[in-house]
């Protein structure tokens, strides 16, 4: 009891000394601030504000420096409408019902084909002193006339130098009387979530509007295209901001404002400037973008697939199909390989693989690291040019009757009835609702090509593989759906 009382007294004494020390330190600080010069007091207030928030006291000086390089872009399209069967005063089917489609009445009431001008607004920014301007493809696409207004008020006609719909970027050119102010490119890879950014543009046609916010996220995939890699920001972006720059606090462009979420607040998306820097040379010299091509169809890896493939992590791009005669096929990459690294860059999913391949110059040899049967292989591949008309070659396949699936062997009659191009193998004809096959995404008319990487050419092959002990609770199928190959992991329980 005596020991506890002594310990309690010591504790109270320590606290008293601490509070007394804190009081004297605070008193000295207050006296120092009170007798300091007004300038010192102001510096102290600004420093305190920065401790609470990284926002600068004002964006004014930075904005004044950046605004001259941001432009307003207005476009005009000639839209044609009207003609036979349009514009009837009582509806399109009035004369059909009451006059039997009399052409005399139609010609009398209908308007002749006419045309009108459709105008739209966007933004852009000057990247060279002689008038090259970067903007979004959708701002200038199909425009009959493009007009650029500078911050000084001067206007110029512009022409399209190059455009790329897949990244939604376009390069246009004006011919100015003298040198123009330009932006400086930053490094969007170094941008961090939480960094302050400024958007400058012309929302709703309101020229030179400034909004500020932070980077909310990076690497966003919003379904805009195959190379989605957006910067998400809460700096206000509205119609008319498209094509305008997103600046970092050092005054460098880190993104191109591109998309918004309808009815959303504080959610805007910008294309990373590093992506634009990669394709600018092609836009300027060729008018289009030349992309690399491996010749594979890939898909993301699920947890069940990772277990079947004996992988510790769900990272990489699973090769579902290899195009015969294309680079991957020539190099020795096989269906079922998992691409985990390309040209020294780690591949986490299919989107990342598409983006990396697209940036590799045509004709360059790169190392592709794949996982095959639990082992890693490095395979050199010579990248060729991606052709938009490239189609994946069709292969034969098969199906079965386990995991809630009912299958039939493909005969000429079955192929004809189901509209299959395959003439042999097995096809899924029914999937039981709620079964493992249903939950995994197997569909009727799927043709099963492989079971656990073993080729299936008949019902006999299918039953042999499905009856194995290691397949009773889980299996990895390769199925052909239309012209596409797809891996599906089946699992019971």
Protein backbone atom coordinates (compact mmCIF):
# COMPACT_ATOMS: atom_id res chain seq x y z
CA UNK A 1 0.00 0.00 0.00
CA UNK A 2 2.82 2.37 0.88
CA UNK A 3 4.57 1.56 -2.41
CA UNK A 4 1.45 2.46 -4.42
CA UNK A 5 1.09 5.79 -2.60
CA UNK A 6 4.74 6.70 -3.31
CA UNK A 7 4.35 5.75 -7.00
CA UNK A 8 1.21 7.87 -7.25
CA UNK A 9 2.98 10.89 -5.76
CA UNK A 10 5.90 10.52 -8.16
CA UNK A 11 3.47 10.35 -11.12
CA UNK A 12 1.72 13.56 -10.04
CA UNK A 13 5.04 15.36 -9.57
CA UNK A 14 6.19 14.36 -13.10
CA UNK A 15 2.94 15.61 -14.63
CA UNK A 16 3.17 18.90 -12.72
CA UNK A 17 6.75 19.51 -13.95
CA UNK A 18 5.69 18.71 -17.55
CA UNK A 19 2.73 21.11 -17.47
CA UNK A 20 4.89 23.85 -15.91
CA UNK A 21 7.50 23.42 -18.66
CA UNK A 22 4.82 23.55 -21.41
CA UNK A 23 3.35 26.74 -19.87
CA UNK A 24 6.71 28.57 -19.86
CA UNK A 25 7.52 27.51 -23.46
CA UNK A 26 4.12 28.74 -24.68
CA UNK A 27 4.56 32.00 -22.75
CA UNK A 28 7.99 32.63 -24.32
CA UNK A 29 6.55 31.93 -27.82
CA UNK A 30 3.65 34.32 -27.29
CA UNK A 31 5.94 37.10 -26.05
CA UNK A 32 8.28 36.57 -29.02
CA UNK A 33 5.36 36.76 -31.48
CA UNK A 34 3.89 39.87 -29.81
CA UNK A 35 7.16 41.83 -30.08
CA UNK A 36 8.09 40.54 -33.57
CA UNK A 37 7.81 42.77 -36.65
CA UNK A 38 4.59 42.61 -38.73
CA UNK A 39 6.51 40.91 -41.57
CA UNK A 40 7.75 38.15 -39.24
CA UNK A 41 4.23 37.70 -37.87
CA UNK A 42 2.87 37.29 -41.43
CA UNK A 43 5.53 34.68 -42.28
CA UNK A 44 4.62 32.81 -39.11
CA UNK A 45 0.91 32.80 -40.05
CA UNK A 46 1.66 31.48 -43.58
CA UNK A 47 3.96 28.79 -42.21
CA UNK A 48 1.26 27.70 -39.78
CA UNK A 49 -1.28 27.53 -42.60
CA UNK A 50 1.05 25.34 -44.61
CA UNK A 51 1.44 23.01 -41.64
CA UNK A 52 -2.34 22.57 -41.56
CA UNK A 53 -2.73 22.31 -45.34
CA UNK A 54 -0.27 22.15 -48.22
CA UNK A 55 -2.41 24.61 -50.22
CA UNK A 56 -0.53 27.82 -51.07
CA UNK A 57 -1.83 31.12 -49.76
CA UNK A 58 -2.86 32.01 -53.33
CA UNK A 59 -2.72 30.52 -56.84
CA UNK A 60 -2.75 33.96 -58.43
CA UNK A 61 0.94 34.27 -59.38
CA UNK A 62 1.03 30.75 -60.82
CA UNK A 63 -2.20 31.23 -62.77
CA UNK A 64 -1.02 34.55 -64.24
CA UNK A 65 2.04 32.76 -65.60
CA UNK A 66 0.12 29.78 -67.05
CA UNK A 67 -3.00 31.32 -68.60
CA UNK A 68 -1.42 32.73 -71.80
CA UNK A 69 -0.60 29.22 -73.09
CA UNK A 70 -4.19 27.94 -72.71
CA UNK A 71 -6.54 28.44 -75.66
CA UNK A 72 -10.23 28.29 -76.47
CA UNK A 73 -11.18 25.96 -79.33
CA UNK A 74 -14.47 26.34 -81.21
CA UNK A 75 -15.52 23.97 -83.97
CA UNK A 76 -18.20 23.99 -86.65
CA UNK A 77 -19.75 20.92 -88.28
CA UNK A 78 -22.12 20.90 -91.23
CA UNK A 79 -24.99 18.57 -90.33
CA UNK A 80 -27.45 17.48 -93.01
CA UNK A 81 -31.03 16.44 -92.22
CA UNK A 82 -34.51 16.26 -93.69
CA UNK A 83 -35.73 14.43 -96.74
CA UNK A 84 -38.46 11.99 -97.67
CA UNK A 85 -40.51 10.73 -94.74
CA UNK A 86 -39.28 13.46 -92.33
CA UNK A 87 -40.91 16.63 -91.16
CA UNK A 88 -44.55 15.72 -91.92
CA UNK A 89 -46.79 18.09 -89.92
CA UNK A 90 -48.95 15.31 -88.43
CA UNK A 91 -46.34 12.61 -88.00
CA UNK A 92 -44.42 10.38 -90.33
CA UNK A 93 -47.18 7.79 -90.78
CA UNK A 94 -50.10 10.22 -91.25
CA UNK A 95 -50.28 9.97 -95.06
CA UNK A 96 -49.67 6.21 -95.02
CA UNK A 97 -52.73 5.65 -92.83
CA UNK A 98 -55.14 8.12 -94.39
CA UNK A 99 -53.94 8.70 -97.97
CA UNK A 100 -52.29 5.41 -98.79
CA UNK A 101 -48.84 6.95 -99.06
CA UNK A 102 -49.70 9.49 -101.77
CA UNK A 103 -46.40 10.96 -102.96
CA UNK A 104 -48.11 14.21 -103.97
CA UNK A 105 -49.09 15.01 -100.39
CA UNK A 106 -45.67 13.92 -99.09
CA UNK A 107 -43.82 16.17 -101.49
CA UNK A 108 -46.17 19.04 -100.70
CA UNK A 109 -45.76 18.92 -96.92
CA UNK A 110 -42.27 17.51 -96.42
CA UNK A 111 -39.25 19.73 -96.08
CA UNK A 112 -36.48 19.45 -98.64
CA UNK A 113 -33.14 18.13 -97.35
CA UNK A 114 -31.40 20.92 -95.48
CA UNK A 115 -28.20 21.52 -93.58
CA UNK A 116 -27.23 23.52 -90.53
CA UNK A 117 -24.11 24.37 -88.58
CA UNK A 118 -23.44 22.62 -85.29
CA UNK A 119 -21.01 24.42 -83.00
CA UNK A 120 -19.11 23.17 -79.97
CA UNK A 121 -16.46 24.45 -77.61
CA UNK A 122 -13.38 22.96 -75.99
CA UNK A 123 -9.93 23.81 -74.70
CA UNK A 124 -6.30 23.20 -75.60
CA UNK A 125 -2.77 24.32 -74.79
CA UNK A 126 0.16 25.52 -76.84
CA UNK A 127 3.19 23.21 -76.86
CA UNK A 128 5.46 24.96 -79.41
CA UNK A 129 6.11 28.63 -80.15
CA UNK A 130 5.16 28.18 -83.80
CA UNK A 131 1.61 27.12 -82.99
CA UNK A 132 1.24 23.38 -82.28
CA UNK A 133 -1.64 22.81 -79.85
CA UNK A 134 -2.61 19.66 -77.94
CA UNK A 135 -6.27 18.88 -77.24
CA UNK A 136 -8.78 16.01 -77.15
CA UNK A 137 -9.73 14.13 -80.29
CA UNK A 138 -13.42 14.42 -79.47
CA UNK A 139 -13.09 18.22 -79.43
CA UNK A 140 -12.04 18.44 -83.09
CA UNK A 141 -13.28 15.13 -84.54
CA UNK A 142 -15.30 15.51 -87.78
CA UNK A 143 -15.06 19.31 -87.55
CA UNK A 144 -15.37 21.22 -90.83
CA UNK A 145 -13.82 24.33 -89.30
CA UNK A 146 -11.63 24.84 -86.22
CA UNK A 147 -11.09 28.26 -84.68
CA UNK A 148 -8.57 28.95 -81.90
CA UNK A 149 -8.78 31.99 -79.61
CA UNK A 150 -5.71 32.95 -77.58
CA UNK A 151 -5.83 34.52 -74.13
CA UNK A 152 -4.94 37.84 -75.81
CA UNK A 153 -8.15 37.66 -77.83
CA UNK A 154 -6.50 36.95 -81.19
CA UNK A 155 -8.14 34.26 -83.29
CA UNK A 156 -6.70 31.85 -85.86
CA UNK A 157 -7.97 29.07 -88.08
CA UNK A 158 -6.48 25.70 -87.19
CA UNK A 159 -5.92 22.44 -89.05
CA UNK A 160 -5.63 18.91 -87.71
CA UNK A 161 -2.08 17.51 -87.83
CA UNK A 162 -2.79 14.16 -86.20
CA UNK A 163 -5.38 12.43 -84.04
CA UNK A 164 -5.83 9.19 -82.13
CA UNK A 165 -9.30 8.07 -81.07
CA UNK A 166 -8.04 5.31 -78.76
CA UNK A 167 -6.32 7.77 -76.41
CA UNK A 168 -8.64 10.67 -77.33
CA UNK A 169 -5.74 12.97 -78.21
CA UNK A 170 -5.31 15.33 -81.17
CA UNK A 171 -2.61 17.70 -82.39
CA UNK A 172 -3.71 20.84 -84.25
CA UNK A 173 -1.74 23.76 -85.74
CA UNK A 174 -2.23 27.49 -86.17
CA UNK A 175 0.03 29.96 -87.98
CA UNK A 176 0.68 32.88 -85.62
CA UNK A 177 2.29 36.20 -86.50
CA UNK A 178 5.07 35.69 -83.93
CA UNK A 179 6.23 33.41 -81.14
CA UNK A 180 3.61 32.11 -78.75
CA UNK A 181 3.78 31.35 -75.01
CA UNK A 182 4.08 27.62 -74.35
CA UNK A 183 3.51 25.17 -71.52
CA UNK A 184 6.18 22.98 -69.97
CA UNK A 185 5.62 19.24 -69.71
CA UNK A 186 5.88 17.59 -66.30
CA UNK A 187 6.20 13.94 -65.28
CA UNK A 188 2.80 12.42 -64.54
CA UNK A 189 4.43 9.24 -63.18
CA UNK A 190 5.78 11.26 -60.26
CA UNK A 191 2.36 12.69 -59.45
CA UNK A 192 1.07 11.44 -56.10
CA UNK A 193 -2.44 10.99 -54.80
CA UNK A 194 -3.13 14.05 -52.65
CA UNK A 195 -0.99 16.47 -54.70
CA UNK A 196 -2.55 19.83 -55.54
CA UNK A 197 -3.43 20.48 -59.21
CA UNK A 198 -4.96 23.32 -61.24
CA UNK A 199 -7.29 22.93 -64.23
CA UNK A 200 -7.54 25.77 -66.76
CA UNK A 201 -10.10 25.75 -69.56
CA UNK A 202 -13.38 27.04 -70.93
CA UNK A 203 -16.25 25.28 -69.14
CA UNK A 204 -19.60 26.11 -70.77
CA UNK A 205 -17.73 28.59 -72.98
CA UNK A 206 -16.58 30.68 -70.00
CA UNK A 207 -13.03 31.45 -71.13
CA UNK A 208 -9.95 31.12 -68.93
CA UNK A 209 -11.70 29.56 -65.95
CA UNK A 210 -9.44 28.32 -63.14
CA UNK A 211 -10.30 25.50 -60.75
CA UNK A 212 -8.10 23.82 -58.15
CA UNK A 213 -8.18 20.52 -56.33
CA UNK A 214 -6.15 17.45 -55.54
CA UNK A 215 -5.29 14.22 -57.31
CA UNK A 216 -7.94 11.80 -56.06
CA UNK A 217 -6.55 8.64 -57.69
CA UNK A 218 -4.29 7.39 -60.48
CA UNK A 219 -4.55 4.63 -63.06
CA UNK A 220 -8.32 4.81 -63.33
CA UNK A 221 -10.00 2.57 -65.93
CA UNK A 222 -13.38 4.06 -66.89
CA UNK A 223 -14.14 2.15 -70.08
CA UNK A 224 -13.26 5.01 -72.41
CA UNK A 225 -10.81 2.92 -74.44
CA UNK A 226 -8.29 0.08 -74.41
CA UNK A 227 -5.52 2.29 -73.00
CA UNK A 228 -7.39 3.83 -70.06
CA UNK A 229 -5.01 5.15 -67.41
CA UNK A 230 -6.71 8.28 -66.12
CA UNK A 231 -5.76 10.69 -63.36
CA UNK A 232 -8.82 11.32 -61.20
CA UNK A 233 -9.13 14.79 -59.69
CA UNK A 234 -11.68 16.78 -57.73
CA UNK A 235 -10.68 20.03 -59.47
CA UNK A 236 -13.96 21.05 -61.14
CA UNK A 237 -14.12 19.89 -64.77
CA UNK A 238 -17.19 20.59 -66.91
CA UNK A 239 -18.21 20.50 -70.60
CA UNK A 240 -15.83 22.85 -72.40
CA UNK A 241 -12.86 21.89 -70.20
CA UNK A 242 -12.06 19.00 -72.56
CA UNK A 243 -8.55 19.26 -73.96
CA UNK A 244 -7.40 21.78 -71.38
CA UNK A 245 -4.31 21.29 -69.21
CA UNK A 246 -4.04 19.99 -65.67
CA UNK A 247 -1.08 21.71 -63.97
CA UNK A 248 0.99 20.68 -60.98
CA UNK A 249 2.15 23.21 -58.40
CA UNK A 250 5.45 23.72 -60.22
CA UNK A 251 3.55 25.03 -63.24
CA UNK A 252 4.03 21.98 -65.48
CA UNK A 253 1.35 20.10 -67.40
CA UNK A 254 0.70 16.68 -65.86
CA UNK A 255 -2.56 15.83 -67.60
CA UNK A 256 -5.12 16.66 -70.28
CA UNK A 257 -8.64 17.14 -68.89
CA UNK A 258 -10.88 14.73 -70.77
CA UNK A 259 -13.89 13.18 -69.04
CA UNK A 260 -16.45 13.81 -66.34
CA UNK A 261 -18.99 11.64 -64.55
CA UNK A 262 -22.55 12.62 -65.43
CA UNK A 263 -24.37 13.96 -62.35
CA UNK A 264 -21.16 13.51 -60.36
CA UNK A 265 -19.52 16.16 -58.23
CA UNK A 266 -15.80 16.42 -57.68
CA UNK A 267 -14.98 13.61 -60.11
CA UNK A 268 -13.04 14.45 -63.27
CA UNK A 269 -10.52 12.54 -65.33
CA UNK A 270 -7.35 13.60 -67.14
CA UNK A 271 -5.05 11.75 -69.54
CA UNK A 272 -1.52 11.52 -68.06
CA UNK A 273 0.87 13.79 -69.96
CA UNK A 274 3.42 10.97 -70.19
CA UNK A 275 0.99 9.07 -72.41
CA UNK A 276 0.67 12.11 -74.67
CA UNK A 277 4.45 12.53 -74.83
CA UNK A 278 4.80 8.96 -76.08
CA UNK A 279 2.50 9.42 -79.08
CA UNK A 280 3.23 13.07 -79.99
CA UNK A 281 6.05 12.20 -82.43
CA UNK A 282 3.70 9.91 -84.39
CA UNK A 283 0.90 12.48 -84.39
CA UNK A 284 3.25 15.15 -85.70
CA UNK A 285 5.02 13.13 -88.40
CA UNK A 286 2.44 10.50 -89.44
CA UNK A 287 -0.90 11.98 -88.43
CA UNK A 288 -1.75 8.76 -86.61
CA UNK A 289 -0.28 6.46 -83.97
CA UNK A 290 1.66 3.29 -84.80
CA UNK A 291 1.39 0.78 -81.95
CA UNK A 292 3.19 -2.40 -81.07
CA UNK A 293 1.54 -5.84 -81.34
CA UNK A 294 2.39 -9.16 -79.70
CA UNK A 295 -0.37 -11.25 -81.22
CA UNK A 296 -2.06 -12.58 -78.08
CA UNK A 297 -5.50 -12.41 -76.50
CA UNK A 298 -5.25 -12.03 -72.72
CA UNK A 299 -7.45 -11.87 -69.63
CA UNK A 300 -7.09 -10.98 -65.96
CA UNK A 301 -6.39 -13.66 -63.36
CA UNK A 302 -8.99 -14.52 -60.71
CA UNK A 303 -8.27 -16.13 -57.36
CA UNK A 304 -9.48 -19.53 -58.57
CA UNK A 305 -7.33 -19.27 -61.71
CA UNK A 306 -4.28 -18.40 -59.62
CA UNK A 307 -4.79 -21.56 -57.56
CA UNK A 308 -5.19 -23.69 -60.67
CA UNK A 309 -2.07 -22.16 -62.21
CA UNK A 310 -0.12 -22.59 -58.95
CA UNK A 311 0.47 -18.86 -58.62
CA UNK A 312 1.00 -17.07 -55.31
CA UNK A 313 -0.37 -13.72 -56.52
CA UNK A 314 -3.19 -12.67 -58.87
CA UNK A 315 -0.89 -10.57 -61.02
CA UNK A 316 -0.10 -10.80 -64.70
CA UNK A 317 -2.00 -11.31 -67.95
CA UNK A 318 -3.15 -14.83 -68.81
CA UNK A 319 -2.68 -15.72 -72.49
CA UNK A 320 -6.03 -17.08 -73.71
CA UNK A 321 -5.07 -17.25 -77.38
CA UNK A 322 -2.01 -16.88 -79.58
CA UNK A 323 -2.45 -15.66 -83.16
CA UNK A 324 -0.70 -18.07 -85.55
CA UNK A 325 2.21 -16.50 -87.40
CA UNK A 326 2.32 -13.38 -85.20
CA UNK A 327 5.25 -12.35 -82.91
CA UNK A 328 4.20 -14.30 -79.80
CA UNK A 329 3.60 -17.46 -81.80
CA UNK A 330 6.95 -17.20 -83.58
CA UNK A 331 8.76 -16.59 -80.28
CA UNK A 332 7.22 -19.60 -78.53
CA UNK A 333 4.65 -18.04 -76.19
CA UNK A 334 1.82 -20.53 -75.56
CA UNK A 335 -1.81 -20.47 -74.51
CA UNK A 336 -1.90 -20.69 -70.70
CA UNK A 337 1.29 -18.68 -70.19
CA UNK A 338 1.02 -15.80 -67.74
CA UNK A 339 2.88 -12.66 -68.82
CA UNK A 340 4.29 -11.03 -65.68
CA UNK A 341 6.95 -8.74 -67.15
CA UNK A 342 7.52 -7.02 -70.48
CA UNK A 343 10.58 -5.03 -71.49
CA UNK A 344 11.64 -4.78 -67.85
CA UNK A 345 8.23 -3.46 -66.71
CA UNK A 346 6.09 -5.43 -64.29
CA UNK A 347 2.68 -6.42 -65.68
CA UNK A 348 -0.13 -6.45 -63.12
CA UNK A 349 -3.15 -6.93 -65.40
CA UNK A 350 -4.36 -6.93 -69.00
CA UNK A 351 -4.78 -3.15 -69.19
CA UNK A 352 -1.18 -2.63 -68.17
CA UNK A 353 0.02 -5.14 -70.78
CA UNK A 354 -1.94 -3.35 -73.53
CA UNK A 355 -0.53 0.03 -72.53
CA UNK A 356 3.06 -1.20 -72.37
CA UNK A 357 2.92 -3.10 -75.68
CA UNK A 358 1.36 -0.08 -77.41
CA UNK A 359 4.33 2.12 -76.48
CA UNK A 360 7.03 -0.22 -77.82
CA UNK A 361 8.46 0.83 -81.22
CA UNK A 362 7.68 -1.51 -84.10
CA UNK A 363 10.59 -3.84 -84.92
CA UNK A 364 12.13 -3.72 -81.44
CA UNK A 365 13.09 -6.95 -79.68
CA UNK A 366 11.89 -7.13 -76.07
CA UNK A 367 12.10 -9.73 -73.32
CA UNK A 368 8.78 -11.19 -72.20
CA UNK A 369 8.80 -12.96 -68.84
CA UNK A 370 6.13 -15.65 -68.52
CA UNK A 371 5.08 -18.18 -65.90
CA UNK A 372 4.45 -21.66 -67.31
CA UNK A 373 3.58 -24.61 -65.08
CA UNK A 374 4.98 -22.76 -62.08
CA UNK A 375 8.31 -21.95 -63.73
CA UNK A 376 9.52 -18.60 -65.09
CA UNK A 377 10.81 -18.22 -68.65
CA UNK A 378 12.20 -15.18 -70.46
CA UNK A 379 11.25 -15.19 -74.15
CA UNK A 380 12.62 -12.62 -76.65
CA UNK A 381 9.88 -11.27 -78.95
CA UNK A 382 10.15 -8.90 -81.93
CA UNK A 383 7.21 -6.49 -81.78
CA UNK A 384 5.32 -5.80 -85.02
CA UNK A 385 2.77 -3.14 -85.93
CA UNK A 386 -0.74 -3.55 -84.59
CA UNK A 387 -3.28 -3.83 -87.40
CA UNK A 388 -6.79 -2.80 -86.47
CA UNK A 389 -8.17 -5.55 -88.72
CA UNK A 390 -6.15 -8.30 -87.00
CA UNK A 391 -8.48 -11.15 -86.13
CA UNK A 392 -7.73 -14.03 -83.80
CA UNK A 393 -7.53 -17.37 -85.59
CA UNK A 394 -10.29 -19.84 -84.84
CA UNK A 395 -9.47 -23.08 -83.09
CA UNK A 396 -11.44 -26.20 -82.36
CA UNK A 397 -12.62 -26.94 -78.84
CA UNK A 398 -14.80 -29.03 -76.53
CA UNK A 399 -17.27 -29.12 -73.63
CA UNK A 400 -18.56 -31.44 -70.92
CA UNK A 401 -21.13 -32.48 -68.28
CA UNK A 402 -19.55 -31.91 -64.84
CA UNK A 403 -19.87 -28.93 -62.43
CA UNK A 404 -23.50 -28.49 -63.54
CA UNK A 405 -22.81 -28.51 -67.30
CA UNK A 406 -24.40 -30.71 -69.92
CA UNK A 407 -22.36 -31.25 -73.09
CA UNK A 408 -22.61 -32.92 -76.46
CA UNK A 409 -20.05 -34.04 -78.96
CA UNK A 410 -19.89 -31.76 -81.99
CA UNK A 411 -21.20 -33.50 -85.08
CA UNK A 412 -21.91 -31.79 -88.42
CA UNK A 413 -25.60 -31.69 -87.46
CA UNK A 414 -24.92 -30.18 -84.02
CA UNK A 415 -22.55 -27.61 -85.52
CA UNK A 416 -25.19 -26.61 -88.06
CA UNK A 417 -28.02 -26.39 -85.50
CA UNK A 418 -25.95 -24.30 -83.07
CA UNK A 419 -24.23 -22.21 -85.73
CA UNK A 420 -20.77 -23.43 -84.73
CA UNK A 421 -17.74 -23.15 -86.97
CA UNK A 422 -16.20 -26.13 -85.14
CA UNK A 423 -16.74 -29.57 -86.67
CA UNK A 424 -15.40 -31.69 -83.79
CA UNK A 425 -15.01 -31.54 -80.01
CA UNK A 426 -17.67 -30.93 -77.34
CA UNK A 427 -20.06 -28.04 -76.77
CA UNK A 428 -21.99 -26.89 -73.68
CA UNK A 429 -25.71 -27.31 -74.36
CA UNK A 430 -27.05 -26.55 -70.86
CA UNK A 431 -25.82 -24.93 -67.65
CA UNK A 432 -27.74 -25.58 -64.42
CA UNK A 433 -28.67 -22.31 -62.65
CA UNK A 434 -26.67 -21.80 -59.46
CA UNK A 435 -24.17 -24.52 -60.34
CA UNK A 436 -20.38 -24.00 -60.15
CA UNK A 437 -20.31 -23.69 -63.94
CA UNK A 438 -23.07 -21.06 -63.86
CA UNK A 439 -21.34 -19.05 -61.13
CA UNK A 440 -18.02 -19.23 -63.00
CA UNK A 441 -19.62 -17.83 -66.17
CA UNK A 442 -19.89 -20.86 -68.46
CA UNK A 443 -22.58 -20.36 -71.12
CA UNK A 444 -24.44 -22.66 -73.50
CA UNK A 445 -22.69 -22.84 -76.92
CA UNK A 446 -19.27 -22.49 -75.25
CA UNK A 447 -16.83 -24.93 -76.83
CA UNK A 448 -14.31 -26.34 -74.35
CA UNK A 449 -10.83 -26.35 -75.85
CA UNK A 450 -8.84 -27.53 -72.83
CA UNK A 451 -9.31 -28.98 -69.36
CA UNK A 452 -6.37 -28.14 -67.11
CA UNK A 453 -4.26 -27.39 -70.22
CA UNK A 454 -5.03 -30.77 -71.82
CA UNK A 455 -6.51 -30.46 -75.31
CA UNK A 456 -10.06 -31.77 -75.70
CA UNK A 457 -11.16 -33.10 -79.10
CA UNK A 458 -14.00 -35.43 -78.15
CA UNK A 459 -16.38 -36.50 -75.40
CA UNK A 460 -13.92 -39.30 -74.61
CA UNK A 461 -11.12 -36.75 -74.00
CA UNK A 462 -13.43 -34.62 -71.90
CA UNK A 463 -14.66 -37.44 -69.66
CA UNK A 464 -11.14 -38.75 -69.19
CA UNK A 465 -9.86 -35.40 -67.91
CA UNK A 466 -12.96 -34.53 -65.89
CA UNK A 467 -12.90 -37.88 -64.07
CA UNK A 468 -9.40 -37.37 -62.70
CA UNK A 469 -9.18 -37.05 -58.91
CA UNK A 470 -7.50 -33.65 -59.02
CA UNK A 471 -10.36 -32.29 -61.18
CA UNK A 472 -13.32 -33.33 -59.04
CA UNK A 473 -13.39 -30.10 -56.99
CA UNK A 474 -11.76 -27.62 -59.33
CA UNK A 475 -10.76 -27.31 -62.96
CA UNK A 476 -9.40 -24.72 -65.35
CA UNK A 477 -11.20 -24.64 -68.69
CA UNK A 478 -10.20 -22.95 -71.89
CA UNK A 479 -13.37 -22.29 -73.88
CA UNK A 480 -14.05 -20.78 -77.28
CA UNK A 481 -16.91 -18.29 -77.25
CA UNK A 482 -17.58 -17.05 -80.75
CA UNK A 483 -14.16 -16.03 -82.06
CA UNK A 484 -12.68 -15.44 -78.61
CA UNK A 485 -10.84 -17.84 -76.30
CA UNK A 486 -11.49 -17.48 -72.57
CA UNK A 487 -10.15 -19.17 -69.43
CA UNK A 488 -12.74 -20.11 -66.82
CA UNK A 489 -11.89 -21.50 -63.37
CA UNK A 490 -14.45 -23.96 -61.94
CA UNK A 491 -14.66 -24.65 -58.22
CA UNK A 492 -17.07 -26.60 -56.02
CA UNK A 493 -18.16 -25.33 -52.63
